[in-house]
Amino acid sequence: MGDSDKCGFCGRVESTAHALFQCPWAKAMWKEAGLWFIIKIYFSCPDFRDVLIWMTQNLMAQAVVGFIFCLLWTIWGKRNSRIHGGLPKGAGSLLEVAMGLISKEAEGLVTLE
């Protein structure tokens, strides 16, 4: 994770699951994006891989799945910025970054692999 086992946002013990789903800051991002149901799914099967499998098998709209992956990428990137000296932007700005990623991916300008 980082040099410390503490979350850079809330100070709790950090793991990948905490950073992406459990941290109050990450939860706010999911809620702001209108995707709170992903948090509910995570807590019903708290294995990150199982959540990703569920999403790809059950969400019909590829745009929704793409946006979810972009939001995961954005949350992780802002977490890294926070840990390594940068400060995160507010929820609205994070959603703008995720939306920008999904737009660029749709246009073939970036790939999220």
N, C-alpha and C. Protein backbone atom coordinates (compact mmCIF):
# COMPACT_ATOMS: atom_id res chain seq x y z
N MET A 1 0.84 -1.17 0.00
CA MET A 1 0.00 0.00 0.00
C MET A 1 0.89 1.25 0.00
N GLY A 2 1.39 1.64 1.11
CA GLY A 2 2.25 2.81 1.20
C GLY A 2 3.24 2.61 2.32
N ASP A 3 3.88 3.69 2.75
CA ASP A 3 4.83 3.59 3.85
C ASP A 3 4.14 3.33 5.17
N SER A 4 2.90 3.72 5.28
CA SER A 4 2.11 3.54 6.49
C SER A 4 0.93 2.63 6.18
N ASP A 5 0.45 1.98 7.21
CA ASP A 5 -0.75 1.16 7.00
C ASP A 5 -2.01 1.96 7.29
N LYS A 6 -1.88 3.27 7.45
CA LYS A 6 -3.01 4.14 7.75
C LYS A 6 -3.51 4.83 6.49
N CYS A 7 -4.83 4.93 6.38
CA CYS A 7 -5.46 5.62 5.26
C CYS A 7 -5.12 7.11 5.32
N GLY A 8 -4.75 7.67 4.19
CA GLY A 8 -4.41 9.09 4.11
C GLY A 8 -5.61 10.01 4.24
N PHE A 9 -6.82 9.47 4.21
CA PHE A 9 -8.03 10.28 4.31
C PHE A 9 -8.68 10.19 5.69
N CYS A 10 -8.77 8.97 6.23
CA CYS A 10 -9.52 8.81 7.48
C CYS A 10 -8.68 8.28 8.64
N GLY A 11 -7.45 7.82 8.36
CA GLY A 11 -6.56 7.35 9.41
C GLY A 11 -6.78 5.92 9.86
N ARG A 12 -7.76 5.23 9.28
CA ARG A 12 -7.99 3.83 9.63
C ARG A 12 -6.97 2.95 8.93
N VAL A 13 -6.89 1.68 9.34
CA VAL A 13 -5.99 0.74 8.68
C VAL A 13 -6.43 0.60 7.23
N GLU A 14 -5.47 0.69 6.32
CA GLU A 14 -5.81 0.69 4.90
C GLU A 14 -5.52 -0.64 4.24
N SER A 15 -6.37 -0.97 3.29
CA SER A 15 -6.19 -2.09 2.38
C SER A 15 -6.74 -1.59 1.05
N THR A 16 -6.59 -2.39 0.01
CA THR A 16 -7.16 -1.99 -1.28
C THR A 16 -8.67 -1.84 -1.15
N ALA A 17 -9.31 -2.78 -0.48
CA ALA A 17 -10.76 -2.71 -0.30
C ALA A 17 -11.15 -1.45 0.47
N HIS A 18 -10.37 -1.11 1.50
CA HIS A 18 -10.66 0.10 2.26
C HIS A 18 -10.55 1.33 1.37
N ALA A 19 -9.45 1.40 0.61
CA ALA A 19 -9.21 2.58 -0.23
C ALA A 19 -10.29 2.77 -1.28
N LEU A 20 -10.80 1.69 -1.84
CA LEU A 20 -11.77 1.80 -2.93
C LEU A 20 -13.23 1.77 -2.49
N PHE A 21 -13.53 1.15 -1.35
CA PHE A 21 -14.93 0.95 -0.97
C PHE A 21 -15.27 1.35 0.46
N GLN A 22 -14.38 1.14 1.41
CA GLN A 22 -14.74 1.28 2.81
C GLN A 22 -14.48 2.67 3.39
N CYS A 23 -13.50 3.36 2.90
CA CYS A 23 -13.16 4.69 3.42
C CYS A 23 -14.34 5.64 3.23
N PRO A 24 -14.67 6.44 4.24
CA PRO A 24 -15.76 7.40 4.08
C PRO A 24 -15.57 8.31 2.86
N TRP A 25 -14.33 8.65 2.55
CA TRP A 25 -14.04 9.48 1.38
C TRP A 25 -14.42 8.75 0.09
N ALA A 26 -14.03 7.47 -0.03
CA ALA A 26 -14.38 6.69 -1.23
C ALA A 26 -15.89 6.49 -1.32
N LYS A 27 -16.53 6.23 -0.18
CA LYS A 27 -17.98 6.07 -0.17
C LYS A 27 -18.67 7.33 -0.70
N ALA A 28 -18.13 8.49 -0.32
CA ALA A 28 -18.70 9.76 -0.81
C ALA A 28 -18.59 9.86 -2.32
N MET A 29 -17.50 9.34 -2.89
CA MET A 29 -17.33 9.38 -4.34
C MET A 29 -18.39 8.51 -5.02
N TRP A 30 -18.61 7.30 -4.49
CA TRP A 30 -19.62 6.41 -5.06
C TRP A 30 -21.01 7.02 -4.96
N LYS A 31 -21.29 7.62 -3.81
CA LYS A 31 -22.60 8.24 -3.61
C LYS A 31 -22.78 9.42 -4.55
N GLU A 32 -21.77 10.27 -4.66
CA GLU A 32 -21.83 11.44 -5.55
C GLU A 32 -22.04 11.01 -7.00
N ALA A 33 -21.46 9.87 -7.37
CA ALA A 33 -21.59 9.36 -8.74
C ALA A 33 -22.94 8.69 -8.99
N GLY A 34 -23.74 8.54 -7.93
CA GLY A 34 -25.02 7.86 -8.09
C GLY A 34 -24.87 6.36 -8.19
N LEU A 35 -23.76 5.84 -7.69
CA LEU A 35 -23.47 4.41 -7.79
C LEU A 35 -23.34 3.75 -6.41
N TRP A 36 -24.14 4.23 -5.47
CA TRP A 36 -24.08 3.69 -4.12
C TRP A 36 -24.33 2.19 -4.09
N PHE A 37 -25.07 1.68 -5.07
CA PHE A 37 -25.37 0.24 -5.10
C PHE A 37 -24.09 -0.59 -5.20
N ILE A 38 -23.02 -0.04 -5.75
CA ILE A 38 -21.74 -0.77 -5.82
C ILE A 38 -21.21 -1.03 -4.41
N ILE A 39 -21.36 -0.06 -3.52
CA ILE A 39 -20.93 -0.24 -2.13
C ILE A 39 -21.76 -1.35 -1.48
N LYS A 40 -23.05 -1.35 -1.73
CA LYS A 40 -23.91 -2.39 -1.17
C LYS A 40 -23.50 -3.76 -1.69
N ILE A 41 -23.17 -3.84 -2.98
CA ILE A 41 -22.71 -5.11 -3.57
C ILE A 41 -21.39 -5.53 -2.93
N TYR A 42 -20.48 -4.57 -2.76
CA TYR A 42 -19.19 -4.89 -2.14
C TYR A 42 -19.39 -5.50 -0.75
N PHE A 43 -20.27 -4.90 0.05
CA PHE A 43 -20.46 -5.40 1.41
C PHE A 43 -21.22 -6.72 1.45
N SER A 44 -21.92 -7.08 0.37
CA SER A 44 -22.59 -8.38 0.34
C SER A 44 -21.62 -9.48 -0.11
N CYS A 45 -20.57 -9.13 -0.82
CA CYS A 45 -19.52 -10.10 -1.21
C CYS A 45 -18.19 -9.35 -1.26
N PRO A 46 -17.55 -9.17 -0.08
CA PRO A 46 -16.40 -8.28 0.02
C PRO A 46 -15.09 -8.77 -0.61
N ASP A 47 -15.17 -9.53 -1.65
CA ASP A 47 -13.97 -9.89 -2.41
C ASP A 47 -13.98 -9.02 -3.66
N PHE A 48 -12.97 -8.19 -3.81
CA PHE A 48 -12.91 -7.23 -4.90
C PHE A 48 -13.09 -7.91 -6.26
N ARG A 49 -12.46 -9.05 -6.43
CA ARG A 49 -12.56 -9.78 -7.69
C ARG A 49 -14.01 -10.20 -7.96
N ASP A 50 -14.70 -10.66 -6.89
CA ASP A 50 -16.10 -11.05 -7.05
C ASP A 50 -16.98 -9.88 -7.44
N VAL A 51 -16.68 -8.70 -6.89
CA VAL A 51 -17.44 -7.49 -7.25
C VAL A 51 -17.25 -7.17 -8.73
N LEU A 52 -16.01 -7.25 -9.20
CA LEU A 52 -15.73 -6.98 -10.62
C LEU A 52 -16.44 -8.00 -11.52
N ILE A 53 -16.41 -9.26 -11.13
CA ILE A 53 -17.10 -10.30 -11.90
C ILE A 53 -18.60 -10.02 -11.92
N TRP A 54 -19.16 -9.69 -10.75
CA TRP A 54 -20.59 -9.39 -10.68
C TRP A 54 -20.94 -8.24 -11.62
N MET A 55 -20.14 -7.19 -11.60
CA MET A 55 -20.43 -6.03 -12.45
C MET A 55 -20.44 -6.40 -13.92
N THR A 56 -19.44 -7.12 -14.36
CA THR A 56 -19.36 -7.45 -15.78
C THR A 56 -20.44 -8.43 -16.21
N GLN A 57 -20.93 -9.26 -15.29
CA GLN A 57 -21.97 -10.22 -15.63
C GLN A 57 -23.39 -9.66 -15.51
N ASN A 58 -23.59 -8.65 -14.64
CA ASN A 58 -24.94 -8.20 -14.33
C ASN A 58 -25.30 -6.81 -14.82
N LEU A 59 -24.34 -6.00 -15.13
CA LEU A 59 -24.66 -4.66 -15.62
C LEU A 59 -24.69 -4.70 -17.13
N MET A 60 -25.84 -4.45 -17.68
CA MET A 60 -26.02 -4.58 -19.12
C MET A 60 -25.35 -3.45 -19.90
N ALA A 61 -25.38 -2.27 -19.37
CA ALA A 61 -24.84 -1.12 -20.10
C ALA A 61 -23.33 -1.07 -19.94
N GLN A 62 -22.63 -1.25 -21.04
CA GLN A 62 -21.17 -1.18 -21.01
C GLN A 62 -20.67 0.18 -20.54
N ALA A 63 -21.45 1.22 -20.83
CA ALA A 63 -21.06 2.56 -20.39
C ALA A 63 -21.02 2.64 -18.87
N VAL A 64 -21.96 1.98 -18.20
CA VAL A 64 -21.98 1.98 -16.73
C VAL A 64 -20.76 1.24 -16.20
N VAL A 65 -20.48 0.07 -16.76
CA VAL A 65 -19.30 -0.69 -16.33
C VAL A 65 -18.04 0.12 -16.58
N GLY A 66 -17.96 0.76 -17.75
CA GLY A 66 -16.79 1.59 -18.06
C GLY A 66 -16.64 2.73 -17.08
N PHE A 67 -17.76 3.38 -16.74
CA PHE A 67 -17.70 4.49 -15.79
C PHE A 67 -17.25 4.01 -14.42
N ILE A 68 -17.74 2.83 -14.00
CA ILE A 68 -17.34 2.28 -12.71
C ILE A 68 -15.84 2.04 -12.69
N PHE A 69 -15.30 1.46 -13.74
CA PHE A 69 -13.86 1.23 -13.79
C PHE A 69 -13.09 2.55 -13.81
N CYS A 70 -13.61 3.54 -14.50
CA CYS A 70 -12.97 4.86 -14.50
C CYS A 70 -13.01 5.49 -13.11
N LEU A 71 -14.11 5.31 -12.41
CA LEU A 71 -14.21 5.86 -11.06
C LEU A 71 -13.25 5.13 -10.12
N LEU A 72 -13.15 3.82 -10.24
CA LEU A 72 -12.17 3.06 -9.44
C LEU A 72 -10.76 3.58 -9.70
N TRP A 73 -10.43 3.78 -10.96
CA TRP A 73 -9.10 4.27 -11.36
C TRP A 73 -8.85 5.66 -10.77
N THR A 74 -9.87 6.51 -10.81
CA THR A 74 -9.74 7.87 -10.31
C THR A 74 -9.58 7.89 -8.80
N ILE A 75 -10.38 7.09 -8.08
CA ILE A 75 -10.26 7.01 -6.62
C ILE A 75 -8.86 6.54 -6.25
N TRP A 76 -8.38 5.50 -6.93
CA TRP A 76 -7.05 4.97 -6.63
C TRP A 76 -5.97 6.02 -6.91
N GLY A 77 -6.11 6.72 -8.02
CA GLY A 77 -5.12 7.75 -8.36
C GLY A 77 -5.09 8.89 -7.35
N LYS A 78 -6.26 9.33 -6.90
CA LYS A 78 -6.31 10.40 -5.90
C LYS A 78 -5.80 9.92 -4.56
N ARG A 79 -6.04 8.65 -4.24
CA ARG A 79 -5.48 8.07 -3.03
C ARG A 79 -3.96 8.09 -3.09
N ASN A 80 -3.41 7.73 -4.23
CA ASN A 80 -1.96 7.76 -4.39
C ASN A 80 -1.42 9.17 -4.31
N SER A 81 -2.12 10.13 -4.91
CA SER A 81 -1.70 11.52 -4.83
C SER A 81 -1.67 11.99 -3.38
N ARG A 82 -2.66 11.60 -2.63
CA ARG A 82 -2.74 12.01 -1.22
C ARG A 82 -1.59 11.41 -0.43
N ILE A 83 -1.32 10.13 -0.63
CA ILE A 83 -0.27 9.44 0.12
C ILE A 83 1.12 9.97 -0.26
N HIS A 84 1.30 10.29 -1.52
CA HIS A 84 2.62 10.69 -2.00
C HIS A 84 2.77 12.21 -2.13
N GLY A 85 1.99 12.95 -1.35
CA GLY A 85 2.23 14.38 -1.24
C GLY A 85 1.22 15.30 -1.89
N GLY A 86 0.38 14.80 -2.78
CA GLY A 86 -0.62 15.67 -3.40
C GLY A 86 -1.89 15.69 -2.57
N LEU A 87 -2.72 16.65 -2.82
CA LEU A 87 -4.00 16.73 -2.13
C LEU A 87 -5.11 16.41 -3.11
N PRO A 88 -6.12 15.65 -2.68
CA PRO A 88 -7.21 15.30 -3.59
C PRO A 88 -8.12 16.48 -3.86
N LYS A 89 -8.76 16.44 -4.99
CA LYS A 89 -9.79 17.41 -5.31
C LYS A 89 -11.09 16.96 -4.67
N GLY A 90 -12.10 17.81 -4.70
CA GLY A 90 -13.40 17.47 -4.13
C GLY A 90 -14.11 16.42 -4.98
N ALA A 91 -15.23 15.96 -4.49
CA ALA A 91 -15.98 14.89 -5.16
C ALA A 91 -16.35 15.26 -6.58
N GLY A 92 -16.85 16.48 -6.79
CA GLY A 92 -17.23 16.89 -8.13
C GLY A 92 -16.08 16.82 -9.10
N SER A 93 -14.91 17.25 -8.67
CA SER A 93 -13.74 17.21 -9.54
C SER A 93 -13.33 15.78 -9.87
N LEU A 94 -13.44 14.88 -8.90
CA LEU A 94 -13.11 13.48 -9.17
C LEU A 94 -14.06 12.90 -10.20
N LEU A 95 -15.32 13.24 -10.09
CA LEU A 95 -16.29 12.73 -11.06
C LEU A 95 -16.00 13.30 -12.44
N GLU A 96 -15.55 14.54 -12.51
CA GLU A 96 -15.18 15.12 -13.80
C GLU A 96 -14.00 14.37 -14.40
N VAL A 97 -13.03 14.00 -13.57
CA VAL A 97 -11.88 13.21 -14.06
C VAL A 97 -12.36 11.88 -14.59
N ALA A 98 -13.22 11.18 -13.83
CA ALA A 98 -13.72 9.88 -14.27
C ALA A 98 -14.53 10.01 -15.55
N MET A 99 -15.36 11.03 -15.64
CA MET A 99 -16.15 11.25 -16.86
C MET A 99 -15.23 11.55 -18.04
N GLY A 100 -14.18 12.32 -17.80
CA GLY A 100 -13.22 12.59 -18.86
C GLY A 100 -12.54 11.33 -19.35
N LEU A 101 -12.20 10.44 -18.42
CA LEU A 101 -11.58 9.16 -18.80
C LEU A 101 -12.52 8.32 -19.66
N ILE A 102 -13.79 8.24 -19.25
CA ILE A 102 -14.74 7.42 -20.01
C ILE A 102 -14.95 8.02 -21.39
N SER A 103 -14.98 9.34 -21.49
CA SER A 103 -15.14 9.99 -22.80
C SER A 103 -13.95 9.71 -23.70
N LYS A 104 -12.75 9.81 -23.13
CA LYS A 104 -11.54 9.57 -23.92
C LYS A 104 -11.44 8.10 -24.34
N GLU A 105 -11.85 7.20 -23.43
CA GLU A 105 -11.82 5.78 -23.78
C GLU A 105 -12.81 5.50 -24.92
N ALA A 106 -13.99 6.11 -24.84
CA ALA A 106 -15.00 5.91 -25.89
C ALA A 106 -14.51 6.43 -27.23
N GLU A 107 -13.72 7.49 -27.21
CA GLU A 107 -13.19 8.06 -28.44
C GLU A 107 -11.92 7.34 -28.90
N GLY A 108 -11.44 6.37 -28.10
CA GLY A 108 -10.24 5.64 -28.47
C GLY A 108 -8.95 6.39 -28.19
N LEU A 109 -9.03 7.44 -27.35
CA LEU A 109 -7.84 8.24 -27.06
C LEU A 109 -7.00 7.64 -25.95
N VAL A 110 -7.61 6.88 -25.06
CA VAL A 110 -6.90 6.18 -23.99
C VAL A 110 -7.47 4.79 -23.85
N THR A 111 -6.68 3.90 -23.26
CA THR A 111 -7.17 2.58 -22.86
C THR A 111 -6.85 2.41 -21.40
N LEU A 112 -7.75 1.85 -20.67
CA LEU A 112 -7.59 1.67 -19.24
C LEU A 112 -7.19 0.24 -18.93
N GLU A 113 -6.04 -0.16 -19.41
CA GLU A 113 -5.54 -1.52 -19.16
C GLU A 113 -4.32 -1.46 -18.30
